[in-house]
Amino acid sequence: YITGKVVRPEIRHRYRQWLVHKLATWQQQF
């Protein structure tokens, strides 16, 4: 939720966020 809007309103968006971050973009962080 950011300034009056839910950025990831659907479950597919949230699962995608978790899996892609955990397995892919996390590599850019750590």
Full PDB file with SEQRES, HELIX, SHEET, SSBOND, CRYST1, ORIGX, SCALE, CONECT and MASTER records, all heavy atoms in Angstrom:
SEQRES   1 A   30  TYR ILE THR GLY LYS VAL VAL ARG PRO GLU ILE ARG HIS          
SEQRES   2 A   30  ARG TYR ARG GLN TRP LEU VAL HIS LYS LEU ALA THR TRP          
SEQRES   3 A   30  GLN GLN GLN PHE                                              
HELIX    1 AA1 ILE A   11  VAL A   20  1                                  10    
HELIX    2 AA2 HIS A   21  THR A   25  3                                   5    
HELIX    3 AA3 TRP A   26  GLN A   29  1                                   4    
CRYST1    1.000    1.000    1.000  90.00  90.00  90.00 P 1           1          
ORIGX1      1.000000  0.000000  0.000000        0.00000                         
ORIGX2      0.000000  1.000000  0.000000        0.00000                         
ORIGX3      0.000000  0.000000  1.000000        0.00000                         
SCALE1      1.000000  0.000000  0.000000        0.00000                         
SCALE2      0.000000  1.000000  0.000000        0.00000                         
SCALE3      0.000000  0.000000  1.000000        0.00000                         
ATOM      1  N   TYR A   1       0.842  -1.195   0.000  1.00  0.00           N  
ATOM      2  CA  TYR A   1       0.000   0.000   0.000  1.00  0.00           C  
ATOM      3  C   TYR A   1       0.883   1.254   0.000  1.00  0.00           C  
ATOM      4  O   TYR A   1       1.693   1.453   0.900  1.00  0.00           O  
ATOM      5  CB  TYR A   1      -0.913   0.013   1.221  1.00  0.00           C  
ATOM      6  CG  TYR A   1      -1.780   1.246   1.331  1.00  0.00           C  
ATOM      7  CD1 TYR A   1      -2.996   1.323   0.665  1.00  0.00           C  
ATOM      8  CD2 TYR A   1      -1.366   2.335   2.100  1.00  0.00           C  
ATOM      9  CE1 TYR A   1      -3.799   2.453   0.767  1.00  0.00           C  
ATOM     10  CE2 TYR A   1      -2.161   3.470   2.199  1.00  0.00           C  
ATOM     11  CZ  TYR A   1      -3.366   3.526   1.531  1.00  0.00           C  
ATOM     12  OH  TYR A   1      -4.144   4.641   1.619  1.00  0.00           O  
ATOM     13  N   ILE A   2       0.736   2.090  -1.015  1.00  0.00           N  
ATOM     14  CA  ILE A   2       1.533   3.308  -1.130  1.00  0.00           C  
ATOM     15  C   ILE A   2       0.603   4.447  -1.571  1.00  0.00           C  
ATOM     16  O   ILE A   2      -0.024   4.377  -2.637  1.00  0.00           O  
ATOM     17  CB  ILE A   2       2.679   3.146  -2.152  1.00  0.00           C  
ATOM     18  CG1 ILE A   2       3.612   2.008  -1.731  1.00  0.00           C  
ATOM     19  CG2 ILE A   2       3.479   4.449  -2.275  1.00  0.00           C  
ATOM     20  CD1 ILE A   2       4.710   1.712  -2.739  1.00  0.00           C  
ATOM     21  N   THR A   3       0.513   5.472  -0.754  1.00  0.00           N  
ATOM     22  CA  THR A   3      -0.257   6.700  -1.060  1.00  0.00           C  
ATOM     23  C   THR A   3      -1.605   6.410  -1.714  1.00  0.00           C  
ATOM     24  O   THR A   3      -1.896   6.868  -2.812  1.00  0.00           O  
ATOM     25  CB  THR A   3       0.559   7.635  -1.975  1.00  0.00           C  
ATOM     26  OG1 THR A   3       0.871   6.950  -3.212  1.00  0.00           O  
ATOM     27  CG2 THR A   3       1.832   8.084  -1.291  1.00  0.00           C  
ATOM     28  N   GLY A   4      -2.426   5.640  -0.999  1.00  0.00           N  
ATOM     29  CA  GLY A   4      -3.788   5.422  -1.447  1.00  0.00           C  
ATOM     30  C   GLY A   4      -3.981   4.324  -2.452  1.00  0.00           C  
ATOM     31  O   GLY A   4      -5.089   4.140  -2.957  1.00  0.00           O  
ATOM     32  N   LYS A   5      -2.931   3.576  -2.755  1.00  0.00           N  
ATOM     33  CA  LYS A   5      -3.053   2.535  -3.774  1.00  0.00           C  
ATOM     34  C   LYS A   5      -2.276   1.296  -3.354  1.00  0.00           C  
ATOM     35  O   LYS A   5      -1.158   1.395  -2.855  1.00  0.00           O  
ATOM     36  CB  LYS A   5      -2.510   3.046  -5.114  1.00  0.00           C  
ATOM     37  CG  LYS A   5      -2.561   2.013  -6.242  1.00  0.00           C  
ATOM     38  CD  LYS A   5      -1.981   2.570  -7.526  1.00  0.00           C  
ATOM     39  CE  LYS A   5      -2.014   1.541  -8.651  1.00  0.00           C  
ATOM     40  NZ  LYS A   5      -1.430   2.079  -9.900  1.00  0.00           N  
ATOM     41  N   VAL A   6      -2.871   0.127  -3.565  1.00  0.00           N  
ATOM     42  CA  VAL A   6      -2.177  -1.138  -3.359  1.00  0.00           C  
ATOM     43  C   VAL A   6      -1.475  -1.499  -4.666  1.00  0.00           C  
ATOM     44  O   VAL A   6      -2.128  -1.719  -5.691  1.00  0.00           O  
ATOM     45  CB  VAL A   6      -3.156  -2.258  -2.944  1.00  0.00           C  
ATOM     46  CG1 VAL A   6      -2.431  -3.593  -2.874  1.00  0.00           C  
ATOM     47  CG2 VAL A   6      -3.794  -1.924  -1.599  1.00  0.00           C  
ATOM     48  N   VAL A   7      -0.163  -1.531  -4.631  1.00  0.00           N  
ATOM     49  CA  VAL A   7       0.627  -1.745  -5.847  1.00  0.00           C  
ATOM     50  C   VAL A   7       0.481  -3.172  -6.363  1.00  0.00           C  
ATOM     51  O   VAL A   7       0.491  -3.402  -7.575  1.00  0.00           O  
ATOM     52  CB  VAL A   7       2.106  -1.411  -5.569  1.00  0.00           C  
ATOM     53  CG1 VAL A   7       2.964  -1.675  -6.806  1.00  0.00           C  
ATOM     54  CG2 VAL A   7       2.242   0.039  -5.132  1.00  0.00           C  
ATOM     55  N   ARG A   8       0.359  -4.131  -5.450  1.00  0.00           N  
ATOM     56  CA  ARG A   8       0.217  -5.534  -5.860  1.00  0.00           C  
ATOM     57  C   ARG A   8      -1.128  -6.060  -5.354  1.00  0.00           C  
ATOM     58  O   ARG A   8      -1.211  -6.757  -4.339  1.00  0.00           O  
ATOM     59  CB  ARG A   8       1.384  -6.369  -5.302  1.00  0.00           C  
ATOM     60  CG  ARG A   8       2.716  -6.018  -5.945  1.00  0.00           C  
ATOM     61  CD  ARG A   8       3.846  -6.915  -5.472  1.00  0.00           C  
ATOM     62  NE  ARG A   8       4.306  -6.572  -4.131  1.00  0.00           N  
ATOM     63  CZ  ARG A   8       5.248  -5.680  -3.854  1.00  0.00           C  
ATOM     64  NH1 ARG A   8       5.823  -5.026  -4.846  1.00  0.00           N  
ATOM     65  NH2 ARG A   8       5.619  -5.447  -2.614  1.00  0.00           N  
ATOM     66  N   PRO A   9      -2.216  -5.742  -6.064  1.00  0.00           N  
ATOM     67  CA  PRO A   9      -3.556  -6.059  -5.564  1.00  0.00           C  
ATOM     68  C   PRO A   9      -3.933  -7.532  -5.679  1.00  0.00           C  
ATOM     69  O   PRO A   9      -4.812  -7.992  -4.946  1.00  0.00           O  
ATOM     70  CB  PRO A   9      -4.466  -5.193  -6.437  1.00  0.00           C  
ATOM     71  CG  PRO A   9      -3.713  -5.032  -7.719  1.00  0.00           C  
ATOM     72  CD  PRO A   9      -2.263  -4.976  -7.336  1.00  0.00           C  
ATOM     73  N   GLU A  10      -3.320  -8.262  -6.596  1.00  0.00           N  
ATOM     74  CA  GLU A  10      -3.712  -9.655  -6.824  1.00  0.00           C  
ATOM     75  C   GLU A  10      -2.665 -10.603  -6.244  1.00  0.00           C  
ATOM     76  O   GLU A  10      -1.475 -10.268  -6.154  1.00  0.00           O  
ATOM     77  CB  GLU A  10      -3.881  -9.919  -8.315  1.00  0.00           C  
ATOM     78  CG  GLU A  10      -4.962  -9.062  -8.966  1.00  0.00           C  
ATOM     79  CD  GLU A  10      -5.086  -9.337 -10.455  1.00  0.00           C  
ATOM     80  OE1 GLU A  10      -4.781 -10.484 -10.867  1.00  0.00           O  
ATOM     81  OE2 GLU A  10      -5.456  -8.418 -11.198  1.00  0.00           O  
ATOM     82  N   ILE A  11      -3.109 -11.806  -5.895  1.00  0.00           N  
ATOM     83  CA  ILE A  11      -2.198 -12.790  -5.311  1.00  0.00           C  
ATOM     84  C   ILE A  11      -1.077 -13.141  -6.280  1.00  0.00           C  
ATOM     85  O   ILE A  11       0.069 -13.342  -5.872  1.00  0.00           O  
ATOM     86  CB  ILE A  11      -2.981 -14.051  -4.885  1.00  0.00           C  
ATOM     87  CG1 ILE A  11      -3.877 -13.727  -3.686  1.00  0.00           C  
ATOM     88  CG2 ILE A  11      -2.026 -15.189  -4.536  1.00  0.00           C  
ATOM     89  CD1 ILE A  11      -4.705 -14.885  -3.193  1.00  0.00           C  
ATOM     90  N   ARG A  12      -1.386 -13.172  -7.570  1.00  0.00           N  
ATOM     91  CA  ARG A  12      -0.332 -13.507  -8.534  1.00  0.00           C  
ATOM     92  C   ARG A  12       0.784 -12.469  -8.496  1.00  0.00           C  
ATOM     93  O   ARG A  12       1.954 -12.787  -8.688  1.00  0.00           O  
ATOM     94  CB  ARG A  12      -0.899 -13.657  -9.946  1.00  0.00           C  
ATOM     95  CG  ARG A  12      -1.468 -12.390 -10.558  1.00  0.00           C  
ATOM     96  CD  ARG A  12      -2.136 -12.689 -11.891  1.00  0.00           C  
ATOM     97  NE  ARG A  12      -2.735 -11.496 -12.468  1.00  0.00           N  
ATOM     98  CZ  ARG A  12      -2.125 -10.709 -13.353  1.00  0.00           C  
ATOM     99  NH1 ARG A  12      -0.893 -11.001 -13.763  1.00  0.00           N  
ATOM    100  NH2 ARG A  12      -2.740  -9.653 -13.844  1.00  0.00           N  
ATOM    101  N   HIS A  13       0.426 -11.216  -8.269  1.00  0.00           N  
ATOM    102  CA  HIS A  13       1.440 -10.171  -8.174  1.00  0.00           C  
ATOM    103  C   HIS A  13       2.313 -10.373  -6.936  1.00  0.00           C  
ATOM    104  O   HIS A  13       3.519 -10.169  -6.966  1.00  0.00           O  
ATOM    105  CB  HIS A  13       0.784  -8.791  -8.095  1.00  0.00           C  
ATOM    106  CG  HIS A  13      -0.048  -8.459  -9.280  1.00  0.00           C  
ATOM    107  ND1 HIS A  13      -1.224  -7.737  -9.181  1.00  0.00           N  
ATOM    108  CD2 HIS A  13       0.111  -8.754 -10.593  1.00  0.00           C  
ATOM    109  CE1 HIS A  13      -1.749  -7.596 -10.385  1.00  0.00           C  
ATOM    110  NE2 HIS A  13      -0.958  -8.199 -11.257  1.00  0.00           N  
ATOM    111  N   ARG A  14       1.684 -10.787  -5.824  1.00  0.00           N  
ATOM    112  CA  ARG A  14       2.421 -10.935  -4.575  1.00  0.00           C  
ATOM    113  C   ARG A  14       3.311 -12.170  -4.593  1.00  0.00           C  
ATOM    114  O   ARG A  14       4.440 -12.137  -4.121  1.00  0.00           O  
ATOM    115  CB  ARG A  14       1.432 -10.978  -3.404  1.00  0.00           C  
ATOM    116  CG  ARG A  14       0.830  -9.609  -3.106  1.00  0.00           C  
ATOM    117  CD  ARG A  14      -0.258  -9.708  -2.049  1.00  0.00           C  
ATOM    118  NE  ARG A  14      -1.548  -9.338  -2.629  1.00  0.00           N  
ATOM    119  CZ  ARG A  14      -2.713  -9.742  -2.163  1.00  0.00           C  
ATOM    120  NH1 ARG A  14      -2.776 -10.533  -1.121  1.00  0.00           N  
ATOM    121  NH2 ARG A  14      -3.829  -9.342  -2.743  1.00  0.00           N  
ATOM    122  N   TYR A  15       2.779 -13.264  -5.143  1.00  0.00           N  
ATOM    123  CA  TYR A  15       3.625 -14.458  -5.242  1.00  0.00           C  
ATOM    124  C   TYR A  15       4.795 -14.194  -6.187  1.00  0.00           C  
ATOM    125  O   TYR A  15       5.932 -14.594  -5.909  1.00  0.00           O  
ATOM    126  CB  TYR A  15       2.822 -15.667  -5.740  1.00  0.00           C  
ATOM    127  CG  TYR A  15       3.623 -16.949  -5.642  1.00  0.00           C  
ATOM    128  CD1 TYR A  15       3.615 -17.706  -4.483  1.00  0.00           C  
ATOM    129  CD2 TYR A  15       4.428 -17.368  -6.694  1.00  0.00           C  
ATOM    130  CE1 TYR A  15       4.375 -18.858  -4.374  1.00  0.00           C  
ATOM    131  CE2 TYR A  15       5.193 -18.520  -6.598  1.00  0.00           C  
ATOM    132  CZ  TYR A  15       5.159 -19.264  -5.432  1.00  0.00           C  
ATOM    133  OH  TYR A  15       5.930 -20.388  -5.333  1.00  0.00           O  
ATOM    134  N   ARG A  16       4.523 -13.504  -7.270  1.00  0.00           N  
ATOM    135  CA  ARG A  16       5.587 -13.157  -8.221  1.00  0.00           C  
ATOM    136  C   ARG A  16       6.651 -12.298  -7.550  1.00  0.00           C  
ATOM    137  O   ARG A  16       7.854 -12.512  -7.745  1.00  0.00           O  
ATOM    138  CB  ARG A  16       5.002 -12.445  -9.434  1.00  0.00           C  
ATOM    139  CG  ARG A  16       6.017 -12.131 -10.523  1.00  0.00           C  
ATOM    140  CD  ARG A  16       5.340 -11.441 -11.700  1.00  0.00           C  
ATOM    141  NE  ARG A  16       4.871 -10.105 -11.330  1.00  0.00           N  
ATOM    142  CZ  ARG A  16       4.120  -9.343 -12.130  1.00  0.00           C  
ATOM    143  NH1 ARG A  16       3.727  -9.804 -13.314  1.00  0.00           N  
ATOM    144  NH2 ARG A  16       3.750  -8.139 -11.744  1.00  0.00           N  
ATOM    145  N   GLN A  17       6.223 -11.304  -6.761  1.00  0.00           N  
ATOM    146  CA  GLN A  17       7.159 -10.446  -6.052  1.00  0.00           C  
ATOM    147  C   GLN A  17       8.065 -11.274  -5.146  1.00  0.00           C  
ATOM    148  O   GLN A  17       9.284 -11.095  -5.114  1.00  0.00           O  
ATOM    149  CB  GLN A  17       6.407  -9.398  -5.236  1.00  0.00           C  
ATOM    150  CG  GLN A  17       7.186  -8.752  -4.099  1.00  0.00           C  
ATOM    151  CD  GLN A  17       8.349  -7.906  -4.576  1.00  0.00           C  
ATOM    152  OE1 GLN A  17       8.380  -7.492  -5.738  1.00  0.00           O  
ATOM    153  NE2 GLN A  17       9.306  -7.654  -3.693  1.00  0.00           N  
ATOM    154  N   TRP A  18       7.458 -12.194  -4.390  1.00  0.00           N  
ATOM    155  CA  TRP A  18       8.238 -12.998  -3.444  1.00  0.00           C  
ATOM    156  C   TRP A  18       9.246 -13.891  -4.169  1.00  0.00           C  
ATOM    157  O   TRP A  18      10.430 -13.891  -3.849  1.00  0.00           O  
ATOM    158  CB  TRP A  18       7.292 -13.853  -2.592  1.00  0.00           C  
ATOM    159  CG  TRP A  18       8.021 -14.780  -1.658  1.00  0.00           C  
ATOM    160  CD1 TRP A  18       8.739 -14.439  -0.553  1.00  0.00           C  
ATOM    161  CD2 TRP A  18       8.105 -16.203  -1.766  1.00  0.00           C  
ATOM    162  NE1 TRP A  18       9.266 -15.563   0.043  1.00  0.00           N  
ATOM    163  CE2 TRP A  18       8.884 -16.664  -0.683  1.00  0.00           C  
ATOM    164  CE3 TRP A  18       7.588 -17.136  -2.667  1.00  0.00           C  
ATOM    165  CZ2 TRP A  18       9.162 -18.016  -0.480  1.00  0.00           C  
ATOM    166  CZ3 TRP A  18       7.861 -18.483  -2.459  1.00  0.00           C  
ATOM    167  CH2 TRP A  18       8.645 -18.908  -1.382  1.00  0.00           C  
ATOM    168  N   LEU A  19       8.774 -14.634  -5.158  1.00  0.00           N  
ATOM    169  CA  LEU A  19       9.653 -15.604  -5.804  1.00  0.00           C  
ATOM    170  C   LEU A  19      10.739 -14.924  -6.626  1.00  0.00           C  
ATOM    171  O   LEU A  19      11.913 -15.322  -6.570  1.00  0.00           O  
ATOM    172  CB  LEU A  19       8.826 -16.563  -6.672  1.00  0.00           C  
ATOM    173  CG  LEU A  19       9.589 -17.751  -7.246  1.00  0.00           C  
ATOM    174  CD1 LEU A  19       8.712 -19.003  -7.241  1.00  0.00           C  
ATOM    175  CD2 LEU A  19      10.046 -17.471  -8.677  1.00  0.00           C  
ATOM    176  N   VAL A  20      10.390 -13.901  -7.400  1.00  0.00           N  
ATOM    177  CA  VAL A  20      11.396 -13.231  -8.235  1.00  0.00           C  
ATOM    178  C   VAL A  20      12.427 -12.521  -7.369  1.00  0.00           C  
ATOM    179  O   VAL A  20      13.631 -12.555  -7.658  1.00  0.00           O  
ATOM    180  CB  VAL A  20      10.718 -12.250  -9.210  1.00  0.00           C  
ATOM    181  CG1 VAL A  20      11.759 -11.415  -9.950  1.00  0.00           C  
ATOM    182  CG2 VAL A  20       9.853 -13.011 -10.220  1.00  0.00           C  
ATOM    183  N   HIS A  21      11.969 -11.886  -6.296  1.00  0.00           N  
ATOM    184  CA  HIS A  21      12.931 -11.227  -5.405  1.00  0.00           C  
ATOM    185  C   HIS A  21      13.826 -12.260  -4.731  1.00  0.00           C  
ATOM    186  O   HIS A  21      15.052 -12.131  -4.726  1.00  0.00           O  
ATOM    187  CB  HIS A  21      12.198 -10.405  -4.344  1.00  0.00           C  
ATOM    188  CG  HIS A  21      13.120  -9.700  -3.395  1.00  0.00           C  
ATOM    189  ND1 HIS A  21      12.844  -9.542  -2.062  1.00  0.00           N  
ATOM    190  CD2 HIS A  21      14.337  -9.124  -3.596  1.00  0.00           C  
ATOM    191  CE1 HIS A  21      13.838  -8.891  -1.477  1.00  0.00           C  
ATOM    192  NE2 HIS A  21      14.753  -8.636  -2.381  1.00  0.00           N  
ATOM    193  N   LYS A  22      13.226 -13.308  -4.185  1.00  0.00           N  
ATOM    194  CA  LYS A  22      13.990 -14.302  -3.435  1.00  0.00           C  
ATOM    195  C   LYS A  22      15.045 -14.982  -4.298  1.00  0.00           C  
ATOM    196  O   LYS A  22      16.191 -15.186  -3.855  1.00  0.00           O  
ATOM    197  CB  LYS A  22      13.030 -15.348  -2.858  1.00  0.00           C  
ATOM    198  CG  LYS A  22      13.681 -16.441  -2.022  1.00  0.00           C  
ATOM    199  CD  LYS A  22      14.197 -15.909  -0.714  1.00  0.00           C  
ATOM    200  CE  LYS A  22      13.079 -15.396   0.162  1.00  0.00           C  
ATOM    201  NZ  LYS A  22      13.587 -14.921   1.473  1.00  0.00           N  
ATOM    202  N   LEU A  23      14.681 -15.334  -5.515  1.00  0.00           N  
ATOM    203  CA  LEU A  23      15.571 -16.155  -6.336  1.00  0.00           C  
ATOM    204  C   LEU A  23      16.377 -15.376  -7.364  1.00  0.00           C  
ATOM    205  O   LEU A  23      17.450 -15.831  -7.769  1.00  0.00           O  
ATOM    206  CB  LEU A  23      14.746 -17.227  -7.061  1.00  0.00           C  
ATOM    207  CG  LEU A  23      13.954 -18.196  -6.164  1.00  0.00           C  
ATOM    208  CD1 LEU A  23      13.236 -19.224  -7.023  1.00  0.00           C  
ATOM    209  CD2 LEU A  23      14.844 -18.876  -5.142  1.00  0.00           C  
ATOM    210  N   ALA A  24      15.892 -14.205  -7.783  1.00  0.00           N  
ATOM    211  CA  ALA A  24      16.566 -13.490  -8.877  1.00  0.00           C  
ATOM    212  C   ALA A  24      17.128 -12.140  -8.450  1.00  0.00           C  
ATOM    213  O   ALA A  24      18.348 -11.950  -8.403  1.00  0.00           O  
ATOM    214  CB  ALA A  24      15.611 -13.327 -10.060  1.00  0.00           C  
ATOM    215  N   THR A  25      16.260 -11.175  -8.125  1.00  0.00           N  
ATOM    216  CA  THR A  25      16.764  -9.825  -7.854  1.00  0.00           C  
ATOM    217  C   THR A  25      17.519  -9.735  -6.530  1.00  0.00           C  
ATOM    218  O   THR A  25      18.275  -8.787  -6.310  1.00  0.00           O  
ATOM    219  CB  THR A  25      15.614  -8.802  -7.861  1.00  0.00           C  
ATOM    220  OG1 THR A  25      14.622  -9.180  -6.889  1.00  0.00           O  
ATOM    221  CG2 THR A  25      14.959  -8.756  -9.230  1.00  0.00           C  
ATOM    222  N   TRP A  26      17.328 -10.701  -5.654  1.00  0.00           N  
ATOM    223  CA  TRP A  26      18.129 -10.764  -4.430  1.00  0.00           C  
ATOM    224  C   TRP A  26      19.614 -10.853  -4.777  1.00  0.00           C  
ATOM    225  O   TRP A  26      20.473 -10.370  -4.045  1.00  0.00           O  
ATOM    226  CB  TRP A  26      17.697 -11.985  -3.621  1.00  0.00           C  
ATOM    227  CG  TRP A  26      18.080 -11.992  -2.163  1.00  0.00           C  
ATOM    228  CD1 TRP A  26      19.345 -11.991  -1.646  1.00  0.00           C  
ATOM    229  CD2 TRP A  26      17.198 -12.013  -1.045  1.00  0.00           C  
ATOM    230  NE1 TRP A  26      19.300 -12.032  -0.279  1.00  0.00           N  
ATOM    231  CE2 TRP A  26      17.989 -12.040   0.124  1.00  0.00           C  
ATOM    232  CE3 TRP A  26      15.817 -12.024  -0.908  1.00  0.00           C  
ATOM    233  CZ2 TRP A  26      17.450 -12.077   1.408  1.00  0.00           C  
ATOM    234  CZ3 TRP A  26      15.289 -12.064   0.370  1.00  0.00           C  
ATOM    235  CH2 TRP A  26      16.091 -12.084   1.506  1.00  0.00           C  
ATOM    236  N   GLN A  27      19.928 -11.455  -5.898  1.00  0.00           N  
ATOM    237  CA  GLN A  27      21.324 -11.590  -6.316  1.00  0.00           C  
ATOM    238  C   GLN A  27      21.967 -10.228  -6.557  1.00  0.00           C  
ATOM    239  O   GLN A  27      23.167 -10.049  -6.320  1.00  0.00           O  
ATOM    240  CB  GLN A  27      21.419 -12.462  -7.559  1.00  0.00           C  
ATOM    241  CG  GLN A  27      20.943 -13.898  -7.343  1.00  0.00           C  
ATOM    242  CD  GLN A  27      21.168 -14.780  -8.539  1.00  0.00           C  
ATOM    243  OE1 GLN A  27      22.243 -14.759  -9.154  1.00  0.00           O  
ATOM    244  NE2 GLN A  27      20.176 -15.576  -8.906  1.00  0.00           N  
ATOM    245  N   GLN A  28      21.177  -9.254  -7.008  1.00  0.00           N  
ATOM    246  CA  GLN A  28      21.704  -7.904  -7.181  1.00  0.00           C  
ATOM    247  C   GLN A  28      21.970  -7.242  -5.836  1.00  0.00           C  
ATOM    248  O   GLN A  28      22.891  -6.438  -5.697  1.00  0.00           O  
ATOM    249  CB  GLN A  28      20.716  -7.062  -8.000  1.00  0.00           C  
ATOM    250  CG  GLN A  28      20.486  -7.595  -9.402  1.00  0.00           C  
ATOM    251  CD  GLN A  28      19.376  -6.846 -10.130  1.00  0.00           C  
ATOM    252  OE1 GLN A  28      18.548  -6.172  -9.505  1.00  0.00           O  
ATOM    253  NE2 GLN A  28      19.342  -6.966 -11.448  1.00  0.00           N  
ATOM    254  N   GLN A  29      21.153  -7.582  -4.821  1.00  0.00           N  
ATOM    255  CA  GLN A  29      21.332  -7.001  -3.493  1.00  0.00           C  
ATOM    256  C   GLN A  29      22.518  -7.596  -2.751  1.00  0.00           C  
ATOM    257  O   GLN A  29      23.316  -6.884  -2.151  1.00  0.00           O  
ATOM    258  CB  GLN A  29      20.071  -7.239  -2.644  1.00  0.00           C  
ATOM    259  CG  GLN A  29      18.921  -6.291  -2.913  1.00  0.00           C  
ATOM    260  CD  GLN A  29      17.787  -6.555  -1.955  1.00  0.00           C  
ATOM    261  OE1 GLN A  29      17.037  -7.507  -2.116  1.00  0.00           O  
ATOM    262  NE2 GLN A  29      17.665  -5.720  -0.943  1.00  0.00           N  
ATOM    263  N   PHE A  30      22.605  -8.912  -2.764  1.00  0.00           N  
ATOM    264  CA  PHE A  30      23.548  -9.603  -1.892  1.00  0.00           C  
ATOM    265  C   PHE A  30      24.573 -10.468  -2.624  1.00  0.00           C  
ATOM    266  O   PHE A  30      25.385 -11.142  -1.988  1.00  0.00           O  
ATOM    267  CB  PHE A  30      22.780 -10.478  -0.902  1.00  0.00           C  
ATOM    268  CG  PHE A  30      21.842  -9.699  -0.018  1.00  0.00           C  
ATOM    269  CD1 PHE A  30      20.470  -9.779  -0.193  1.00  0.00           C  
ATOM    270  CD2 PHE A  30      22.325  -8.876   0.987  1.00  0.00           C  
ATOM    271  CE1 PHE A  30      19.596  -9.067   0.616  1.00  0.00           C  
ATOM    272  CE2 PHE A  30      21.469  -8.165   1.803  1.00  0.00           C  
ATOM    273  CZ  PHE A  30      20.109  -8.252   1.620  1.00  0.00           C  
TER     274      PHE A  30                                                      
MASTER        0    0    0    3    0    0    0    6  273    1    0    3          
END                                                                             
